[in-house]
């Protein structure tokens, strides 16, 4: 994907290996190999419904409370729930 002007909504590659996540003609977040960066806050679902493994070389932060519903959350690295 190449950037061709500013798209009003969607995902576009702005530089090599960096994606802009856009809505309402504004960049809401950027994603690269290090993760997702936002200018204000990060939102996620409060119920986990799929198996997830946090690898030994990864760190994860969740905002609680979090419900693990009929799946496996395997933590080999670091998980912090705030």
PDB file of N, CA and C in Angstrom:
ATOM      1  N   UNK A   1       0.828  -1.168   0.000  1.00  0.00           N
ATOM      2  CA  UNK A   1       0.000   0.000   0.000  1.00  0.00           C
ATOM      3  C   UNK A   1       0.885   1.249   0.000  1.00  0.00           C
ATOM      4  N   UNK A   2       0.517   2.217  -0.754  1.00  0.00           N
ATOM      5  CA  UNK A   2       1.236   3.491  -0.741  1.00  0.00           C
ATOM      6  C   UNK A   2       0.255   4.596  -0.411  1.00  0.00           C
ATOM      7  N   UNK A   3       0.756   5.595   0.264  1.00  0.00           N
ATOM      8  CA  UNK A   3      -0.070   6.744   0.618  1.00  0.00           C
ATOM      9  C   UNK A   3      -0.309   7.590  -0.621  1.00  0.00           C
ATOM     10  N   UNK A   4      -1.569   7.866  -0.867  1.00  0.00           N
ATOM     11  CA  UNK A   4      -1.944   8.762  -1.959  1.00  0.00           C
ATOM     12  C   UNK A   4      -2.894   9.784  -1.347  1.00  0.00           C
ATOM     13  N   UNK A   5      -2.350  10.880  -0.861  1.00  0.00           N
ATOM     14  CA  UNK A   5      -3.165  11.854  -0.156  1.00  0.00           C
ATOM     15  C   UNK A   5      -3.589  11.306   1.198  1.00  0.00           C
ATOM     16  N   UNK A   6      -4.473  12.000   1.877  1.00  0.00           N
ATOM     17  CA  UNK A   6      -5.007  11.539   3.154  1.00  0.00           C
ATOM     18  C   UNK A   6      -6.359  10.901   2.931  1.00  0.00           C
ATOM     19  N   UNK A   7      -6.480   9.649   3.339  1.00  0.00           N
ATOM     20  CA  UNK A   7      -7.775   9.003   3.233  1.00  0.00           C
ATOM     21  C   UNK A   7      -8.604   9.402   4.449  1.00  0.00           C
ATOM     22  N   UNK A   8      -9.939   9.531   4.332  1.00  0.00           N
ATOM     23  CA  UNK A   8     -10.751   9.972   5.455  1.00  0.00           C
ATOM     24  C   UNK A   8     -10.906   8.900   6.540  1.00  0.00           C
ATOM     25  N   UNK A   9     -10.913   7.626   6.161  1.00  0.00           N
ATOM     26  CA  UNK A   9     -11.061   6.548   7.137  1.00  0.00           C
ATOM     27  C   UNK A   9     -10.422   5.288   6.582  1.00  0.00           C
ATOM     28  N   UNK A  10      -9.821   4.502   7.468  1.00  0.00           N
ATOM     29  CA  UNK A  10      -9.198   3.257   7.044  1.00  0.00           C
ATOM     30  C   UNK A  10      -7.779   3.166   7.528  1.00  0.00           C
ATOM     31  N   UNK A  11      -7.019   2.280   6.904  1.00  0.00           N
ATOM     32  CA  UNK A  11      -5.625   2.066   7.270  1.00  0.00           C
ATOM     33  C   UNK A  11      -4.767   2.338   6.048  1.00  0.00           C
ATOM     34  N   UNK A  12      -3.722   3.122   6.229  1.00  0.00           N
ATOM     35  CA  UNK A  12      -2.829   3.408   5.118  1.00  0.00           C
ATOM     36  C   UNK A  12      -1.383   3.385   5.595  1.00  0.00           C
ATOM     37  N   UNK A  13      -0.486   2.957   4.724  1.00  0.00           N
ATOM     38  CA  UNK A  13       0.932   2.979   5.038  1.00  0.00           C
ATOM     39  C   UNK A  13       1.446   4.381   4.754  1.00  0.00           C
ATOM     40  N   UNK A  14       2.044   5.022   5.776  1.00  0.00           N
ATOM     41  CA  UNK A  14       2.505   6.392   5.597  1.00  0.00           C
ATOM     42  C   UNK A  14       4.006   6.453   5.371  1.00  0.00           C
ATOM     43  N   UNK A  15       4.750   5.606   6.014  1.00  0.00           N
ATOM     44  CA  UNK A  15       6.172   5.436   5.761  1.00  0.00           C
ATOM     45  C   UNK A  15       6.425   3.939   5.799  1.00  0.00           C
ATOM     46  N   UNK A  16       7.590   3.524   5.412  1.00  0.00           N
ATOM     47  CA  UNK A  16       7.864   2.098   5.393  1.00  0.00           C
ATOM     48  C   UNK A  16       7.651   1.491   6.780  1.00  0.00           C
ATOM     49  N   UNK A  17       6.825   0.476   6.847  1.00  0.00           N
ATOM     50  CA  UNK A  17       6.547  -0.282   8.067  1.00  0.00           C
ATOM     51  C   UNK A  17       5.765   0.486   9.129  1.00  0.00           C
ATOM     52  N   UNK A  18       5.122   1.612   8.793  1.00  0.00           N
ATOM     53  CA  UNK A  18       4.268   2.333   9.732  1.00  0.00           C
ATOM     54  C   UNK A  18       2.890   2.502   9.096  1.00  0.00           C
ATOM     55  N   UNK A  19       1.849   2.105   9.848  1.00  0.00           N
ATOM     56  CA  UNK A  19       0.483   2.237   9.362  1.00  0.00           C
ATOM     57  C   UNK A  19      -0.252   3.299  10.166  1.00  0.00           C
ATOM     58  N   UNK A  20      -1.001   4.150   9.488  1.00  0.00           N
ATOM     59  CA  UNK A  20      -1.900   5.091  10.138  1.00  0.00           C
ATOM     60  C   UNK A  20      -3.284   4.467  10.175  1.00  0.00           C
ATOM     61  N   UNK A  21      -3.926   4.544  11.321  1.00  0.00           N
ATOM     62  CA  UNK A  21      -5.315   4.103  11.468  1.00  0.00           C
ATOM     63  C   UNK A  21      -6.134   5.375  11.580  1.00  0.00           C
ATOM     64  N   UNK A  22      -7.006   5.605  10.583  1.00  0.00           N
ATOM     65  CA  UNK A  22      -7.684   6.890  10.471  1.00  0.00           C
ATOM     66  C   UNK A  22      -9.194   6.755  10.584  1.00  0.00           C
ATOM     67  N   UNK A  23      -9.804   7.777  11.161  1.00  0.00           N
ATOM     68  CA  UNK A  23     -11.249   7.911  11.222  1.00  0.00           C
ATOM     69  C   UNK A  23     -11.602   9.379  11.260  1.00  0.00           C
ATOM     70  N   UNK A  24     -12.639   9.761  10.570  1.00  0.00           N
ATOM     71  CA  UNK A  24     -13.072  11.163  10.511  1.00  0.00           C
ATOM     72  C   UNK A  24     -11.935  12.080  10.077  1.00  0.00           C
ATOM     73  N   UNK A  25     -11.146  11.630   9.101  1.00  0.00           N
ATOM     74  CA  UNK A  25     -10.047  12.393   8.513  1.00  0.00           C
ATOM     75  C   UNK A  25      -8.918  12.721   9.487  1.00  0.00           C
ATOM     76  N   UNK A  26      -8.843  11.991  10.608  1.00  0.00           N
ATOM     77  CA  UNK A  26      -7.768  12.198  11.578  1.00  0.00           C
ATOM     78  C   UNK A  26      -7.080  10.873  11.869  1.00  0.00           C
ATOM     79  N   UNK A  27      -5.790  10.928  12.169  1.00  0.00           N
ATOM     80  CA  UNK A  27      -5.061   9.731  12.560  1.00  0.00           C
ATOM     81  C   UNK A  27      -5.371   9.430  14.014  1.00  0.00           C
ATOM     82  N   UNK A  28      -6.007   8.280  14.264  1.00  0.00           N
ATOM     83  CA  UNK A  28      -6.369   7.875  15.616  1.00  0.00           C
ATOM     84  C   UNK A  28      -5.240   7.097  16.281  1.00  0.00           C
ATOM     85  N   UNK A  29      -4.444   6.391  15.469  1.00  0.00           N
ATOM     86  CA  UNK A  29      -3.352   5.587  16.020  1.00  0.00           C
ATOM     87  C   UNK A  29      -2.371   5.265  14.914  1.00  0.00           C
ATOM     88  N   UNK A  30      -1.180   4.845  15.318  1.00  0.00           N
ATOM     89  CA  UNK A  30      -0.181   4.350  14.381  1.00  0.00           C
ATOM     90  C   UNK A  30       0.274   2.980  14.860  1.00  0.00           C
ATOM     91  N   UNK A  31       0.550   2.090  13.920  1.00  0.00           N
ATOM     92  CA  UNK A  31       1.000   0.745  14.256  1.00  0.00           C
ATOM     93  C   UNK A  31       2.280   0.436  13.503  1.00  0.00           C
ATOM     94  N   UNK A  32       3.205  -0.215  14.207  1.00  0.00           N
ATOM     95  CA  UNK A  32       4.432  -0.710  13.582  1.00  0.00           C
ATOM     96  C   UNK A  32       4.815  -2.009  14.281  1.00  0.00           C
ATOM     97  N   UNK A  33       6.000  -2.489  14.044  1.00  0.00           N
ATOM     98  CA  UNK A  33       6.419  -3.762  14.624  1.00  0.00           C
ATOM     99  C   UNK A  33       6.485  -3.713  16.147  1.00  0.00           C
ATOM    100  N   UNK A  34       6.551  -2.522  16.740  1.00  0.00           N
ATOM    101  CA  UNK A  34       6.611  -2.393  18.196  1.00  0.00           C
ATOM    102  C   UNK A  34       5.242  -2.410  18.852  1.00  0.00           C
ATOM    103  N   UNK A  35       4.182  -2.208  18.070  1.00  0.00           N
ATOM    104  CA  UNK A  35       2.831  -2.191  18.619  1.00  0.00           C
ATOM    105  C   UNK A  35       2.035  -1.013  18.106  1.00  0.00           C
ATOM    106  N   UNK A  36       1.029  -0.635  18.875  1.00  0.00           N
ATOM    107  CA  UNK A  36       0.122   0.450  18.492  1.00  0.00           C
ATOM    108  C   UNK A  36       0.337   1.633  19.426  1.00  0.00           C
ATOM    109  N   UNK A  37       0.453   2.815  18.836  1.00  0.00           N
ATOM    110  CA  UNK A  37       0.629   4.048  19.598  1.00  0.00           C
ATOM    111  C   UNK A  37      -0.562   4.951  19.314  1.00  0.00           C
ATOM    112  N   UNK A  38      -1.181   5.475  20.377  1.00  0.00           N
ATOM    113  CA  UNK A  38      -2.272   6.425  20.208  1.00  0.00           C
ATOM    114  C   UNK A  38      -1.888   7.731  20.866  1.00  0.00           C
ATOM    115  N   UNK A  39      -2.611   8.769  20.532  1.00  0.00           N
ATOM    116  CA  UNK A  39      -2.341  10.066  21.121  1.00  0.00           C
ATOM    117  C   UNK A  39      -3.059  10.283  22.432  1.00  0.00           C
ATOM    118  N   UNK A  40      -3.994   9.392  22.771  1.00  0.00           N
ATOM    119  CA  UNK A  40      -4.785   9.636  23.977  1.00  0.00           C
ATOM    120  C   UNK A  40      -4.973   8.371  24.807  1.00  0.00           C
ATOM    121  N   UNK A  41      -5.623   7.369  24.267  1.00  0.00           N
ATOM    122  CA  UNK A  41      -5.961   6.183  25.049  1.00  0.00           C
ATOM    123  C   UNK A  41      -6.005   4.960  24.150  1.00  0.00           C
ATOM    124  N   UNK A  42      -5.911   3.810  24.772  1.00  0.00           N
ATOM    125  CA  UNK A  42      -6.018   2.541  24.052  1.00  0.00           C
ATOM    126  C   UNK A  42      -7.220   1.806  24.601  1.00  0.00           C
ATOM    127  N   UNK A  43      -8.095   1.329  23.721  1.00  0.00           N
ATOM    128  CA  UNK A  43      -9.290   0.611  24.147  1.00  0.00           C
ATOM    129  C   UNK A  43      -9.202  -0.839  23.718  1.00  0.00           C
ATOM    130  N   UNK A  44      -9.748  -1.724  24.535  1.00  0.00           N
ATOM    131  CA  UNK A  44      -9.830  -3.131  24.172  1.00  0.00           C
ATOM    132  C   UNK A  44     -11.090  -3.727  24.790  1.00  0.00           C
ATOM    133  N   UNK A  45     -11.493  -4.875  24.276  1.00  0.00           N
ATOM    134  CA  UNK A  45     -12.654  -5.567  24.821  1.00  0.00           C
ATOM    135  C   UNK A  45     -12.343  -6.032  26.241  1.00  0.00           C
ATOM    136  N   UNK A  46     -13.344  -6.132  27.082  1.00  0.00           N
ATOM    137  CA  UNK A  46     -13.123  -6.559  28.456  1.00  0.00           C
ATOM    138  C   UNK A  46     -13.287  -8.066  28.634  1.00  0.00           C
ATOM    139  N   UNK A  47     -13.691  -8.767  27.573  1.00  0.00           N
ATOM    140  CA  UNK A  47     -13.830 -10.217  27.621  1.00  0.00           C
ATOM    141  C   UNK A  47     -12.963 -10.847  26.548  1.00  0.00           C
ATOM    142  N   UNK A  48     -12.109 -11.774  26.981  1.00  0.00           N
ATOM    143  CA  UNK A  48     -11.239 -12.514  26.069  1.00  0.00           C
ATOM    144  C   UNK A  48     -11.954 -13.803  25.692  1.00  0.00           C
ATOM    145  N   UNK A  49     -12.125 -14.057  24.387  1.00  0.00           N
ATOM    146  CA  UNK A  49     -12.872 -15.233  23.944  1.00  0.00           C
ATOM    147  C   UNK A  49     -12.054 -16.150  23.044  1.00  0.00           C
ATOM    148  N   UNK A  50     -10.782 -15.821  22.806  1.00  0.00           N
ATOM    149  CA  UNK A  50      -9.900 -16.643  21.983  1.00  0.00           C
ATOM    150  C   UNK A  50      -8.625 -16.924  22.757  1.00  0.00           C
ATOM    151  N   UNK A  51      -8.000 -18.069  22.508  1.00  0.00           N
ATOM    152  CA  UNK A  51      -6.724 -18.390  23.139  1.00  0.00           C
ATOM    153  C   UNK A  51      -5.673 -17.352  22.757  1.00  0.00           C
ATOM    154  N   UNK A  52      -4.906 -16.897  23.752  1.00  0.00           N
ATOM    155  CA  UNK A  52      -3.857 -15.900  23.533  1.00  0.00           C
ATOM    156  C   UNK A  52      -2.615 -16.326  24.309  1.00  0.00           C
ATOM    157  N   UNK A  53      -1.446 -16.189  23.670  1.00  0.00           N
ATOM    158  CA  UNK A  53      -0.180 -16.417  24.349  1.00  0.00           C
ATOM    159  C   UNK A  53       0.647 -15.141  24.290  1.00  0.00           C
ATOM    160  N   UNK A  54       1.112 -14.692  25.450  1.00  0.00           N
ATOM    161  CA  UNK A  54       2.043 -13.572  25.521  1.00  0.00           C
ATOM    162  C   UNK A  54       3.424 -14.211  25.602  1.00  0.00           C
ATOM    163  N   UNK A  55       4.193 -14.073  24.535  1.00  0.00           N
ATOM    164  CA  UNK A  55       5.488 -14.745  24.417  1.00  0.00           C
ATOM    165  C   UNK A  55       6.482 -14.230  25.447  1.00  0.00           C
ATOM    166  N   UNK A  56       7.536 -15.006  25.670  1.00  0.00           N
ATOM    167  CA  UNK A  56       8.530 -14.658  26.689  1.00  0.00           C
ATOM    168  C   UNK A  56       9.245 -13.338  26.402  1.00  0.00           C
ATOM    169  N   UNK A  57       9.263 -12.900  25.149  1.00  0.00           N
ATOM    170  CA  UNK A  57       9.916 -11.635  24.804  1.00  0.00           C
ATOM    171  C   UNK A  57       8.905 -10.500  24.604  1.00  0.00           C
ATOM    172  N   UNK A  58       7.679 -10.681  25.110  1.00  0.00           N
ATOM    173  CA  UNK A  58       6.632  -9.672  24.961  1.00  0.00           C
ATOM    174  C   UNK A  58       6.150  -9.188  26.319  1.00  0.00           C
ATOM    175  N   UNK A  59       5.603  -7.973  26.338  1.00  0.00           N
ATOM    176  CA  UNK A  59       4.951  -7.419  27.514  1.00  0.00           C
ATOM    177  C   UNK A  59       3.577  -6.915  27.080  1.00  0.00           C
ATOM    178  N   UNK A  60       2.603  -7.067  27.949  1.00  0.00           N
ATOM    179  CA  UNK A  60       1.231  -6.704  27.619  1.00  0.00           C
ATOM    180  C   UNK A  60       0.625  -5.953  28.796  1.00  0.00           C
ATOM    181  N   UNK A  61      -0.181  -4.928  28.492  1.00  0.00           N
ATOM    182  CA  UNK A  61      -0.914  -4.191  29.506  1.00  0.00           C
ATOM    183  C   UNK A  61      -2.391  -4.255  29.143  1.00  0.00           C
ATOM    184  N   UNK A  62      -3.225  -4.589  30.121  1.00  0.00           N
ATOM    185  CA  UNK A  62      -4.673  -4.596  29.942  1.00  0.00           C
ATOM    186  C   UNK A  62      -5.299  -3.712  31.014  1.00  0.00           C
ATOM    187  N   UNK A  63      -6.423  -3.121  30.688  1.00  0.00           N
ATOM    188  CA  UNK A  63      -7.199  -2.397  31.689  1.00  0.00           C
ATOM    189  C   UNK A  63      -8.289  -3.335  32.185  1.00  0.00           C
ATOM    190  N   UNK A  64      -8.372  -3.496  33.492  1.00  0.00           N
ATOM    191  CA  UNK A  64      -9.320  -4.438  34.066  1.00  0.00           C
ATOM    192  C   UNK A  64     -10.600  -3.757  34.491  1.00  0.00           C
ATOM    193  N   UNK A  65     -11.578  -4.538  34.864  1.00  0.00           N
ATOM    194  CA  UNK A  65     -11.517  -5.987  34.964  1.00  0.00           C
ATOM    195  C   UNK A  65     -11.552  -6.644  33.585  1.00  0.00           C
ATOM    196  N   UNK A  66     -10.937  -7.821  33.498  1.00  0.00           N
ATOM    197  CA  UNK A  66     -10.894  -8.588  32.266  1.00  0.00           C
ATOM    198  C   UNK A  66     -11.444  -9.982  32.564  1.00  0.00           C
ATOM    199  N   UNK A  67     -12.317 -10.483  31.692  1.00  0.00           N
ATOM    200  CA  UNK A  67     -12.890 -11.820  31.839  1.00  0.00           C
ATOM    201  C   UNK A  67     -12.298 -12.728  30.785  1.00  0.00           C
ATOM    202  N   UNK A  68     -11.788 -13.890  31.200  1.00  0.00           N
ATOM    203  CA  UNK A  68     -11.296 -14.913  30.279  1.00  0.00           C
ATOM    204  C   UNK A  68     -12.411 -15.942  30.159  1.00  0.00           C
ATOM    205  N   UNK A  69     -13.078 -15.964  28.995  1.00  0.00           N
ATOM    206  CA  UNK A  69     -14.302 -16.736  28.807  1.00  0.00           C
ATOM    207  C   UNK A  69     -14.067 -17.960  27.929  1.00  0.00           C
ATOM    208  N   UNK A  70     -13.930 -19.128  28.555  1.00  0.00           N
ATOM    209  CA  UNK A  70     -13.835 -20.408  27.843  1.00  0.00           C
ATOM    210  C   UNK A  70     -12.669 -20.441  26.848  1.00  0.00           C
ATOM    211  N   UNK A  71     -11.523 -19.899  27.261  1.00  0.00           N
ATOM    212  CA  UNK A  71     -10.328 -19.911  26.427  1.00  0.00           C
ATOM    213  C   UNK A  71      -9.106 -19.910  27.341  1.00  0.00           C
ATOM    214  N   UNK A  72      -7.929 -19.901  26.746  1.00  0.00           N
ATOM    215  CA  UNK A  72      -6.683 -19.962  27.512  1.00  0.00           C
ATOM    216  C   UNK A  72      -5.897 -18.671  27.319  1.00  0.00           C
ATOM    217  N   UNK A  73      -5.461 -18.087  28.426  1.00  0.00           N
ATOM    218  CA  UNK A  73      -4.544 -16.948  28.411  1.00  0.00           C
ATOM    219  C   UNK A  73      -3.236 -17.451  28.999  1.00  0.00           C
ATOM    220  N   UNK A  74      -2.251 -17.661  28.136  1.00  0.00           N
ATOM    221  CA  UNK A  74      -0.958 -18.200  28.554  1.00  0.00           C
ATOM    222  C   UNK A  74       0.047 -17.061  28.601  1.00  0.00           C
ATOM    223  N   UNK A  75       0.636 -16.840  29.781  1.00  0.00           N
ATOM    224  CA  UNK A  75       1.578 -15.737  29.970  1.00  0.00           C
ATOM    225  C   UNK A  75       2.974 -16.316  30.176  1.00  0.00           C
ATOM    226  N   UNK A  76       3.794 -16.186  29.163  1.00  0.00           N
ATOM    227  CA  UNK A  76       5.203 -16.590  29.258  1.00  0.00           C
ATOM    228  C   UNK A  76       6.079 -15.369  29.502  1.00  0.00           C
ATOM    229  N   UNK A  77       5.596 -14.204  29.098  1.00  0.00           N
ATOM    230  CA  UNK A  77       6.315 -12.944  29.276  1.00  0.00           C
ATOM    231  C   UNK A  77       5.736 -12.178  30.447  1.00  0.00           C
ATOM    232  N   UNK A  78       5.376 -10.920  30.222  1.00  0.00           N
ATOM    233  CA  UNK A  78       4.864 -10.052  31.285  1.00  0.00           C
ATOM    234  C   UNK A  78       3.456  -9.588  30.948  1.00  0.00           C
ATOM    235  N   UNK A  79       2.549  -9.718  31.902  1.00  0.00           N
ATOM    236  CA  UNK A  79       1.187  -9.194  31.781  1.00  0.00           C
ATOM    237  C   UNK A  79       0.900  -8.340  32.994  1.00  0.00           C
ATOM    238  N   UNK A  80       0.480  -7.099  32.741  1.00  0.00           N
ATOM    239  CA  UNK A  80       0.076  -6.193  33.815  1.00  0.00           C
ATOM    240  C   UNK A  80      -1.364  -5.805  33.553  1.00  0.00           C
ATOM    241  N   UNK A  81      -2.208  -5.972  34.562  1.00  0.00           N
ATOM    242  CA  UNK A  81      -3.601  -5.549  34.461  1.00  0.00           C
ATOM    243  C   UNK A  81      -3.796  -4.393  35.438  1.00  0.00           C
ATOM    244  N   UNK A  82      -4.195  -3.243  34.896  1.00  0.00           N
ATOM    245  CA  UNK A  82      -4.392  -2.063  35.743  1.00  0.00           C
ATOM    246  C   UNK A  82      -5.863  -1.736  35.831  1.00  0.00           C
TER     247      UNK A  82
END
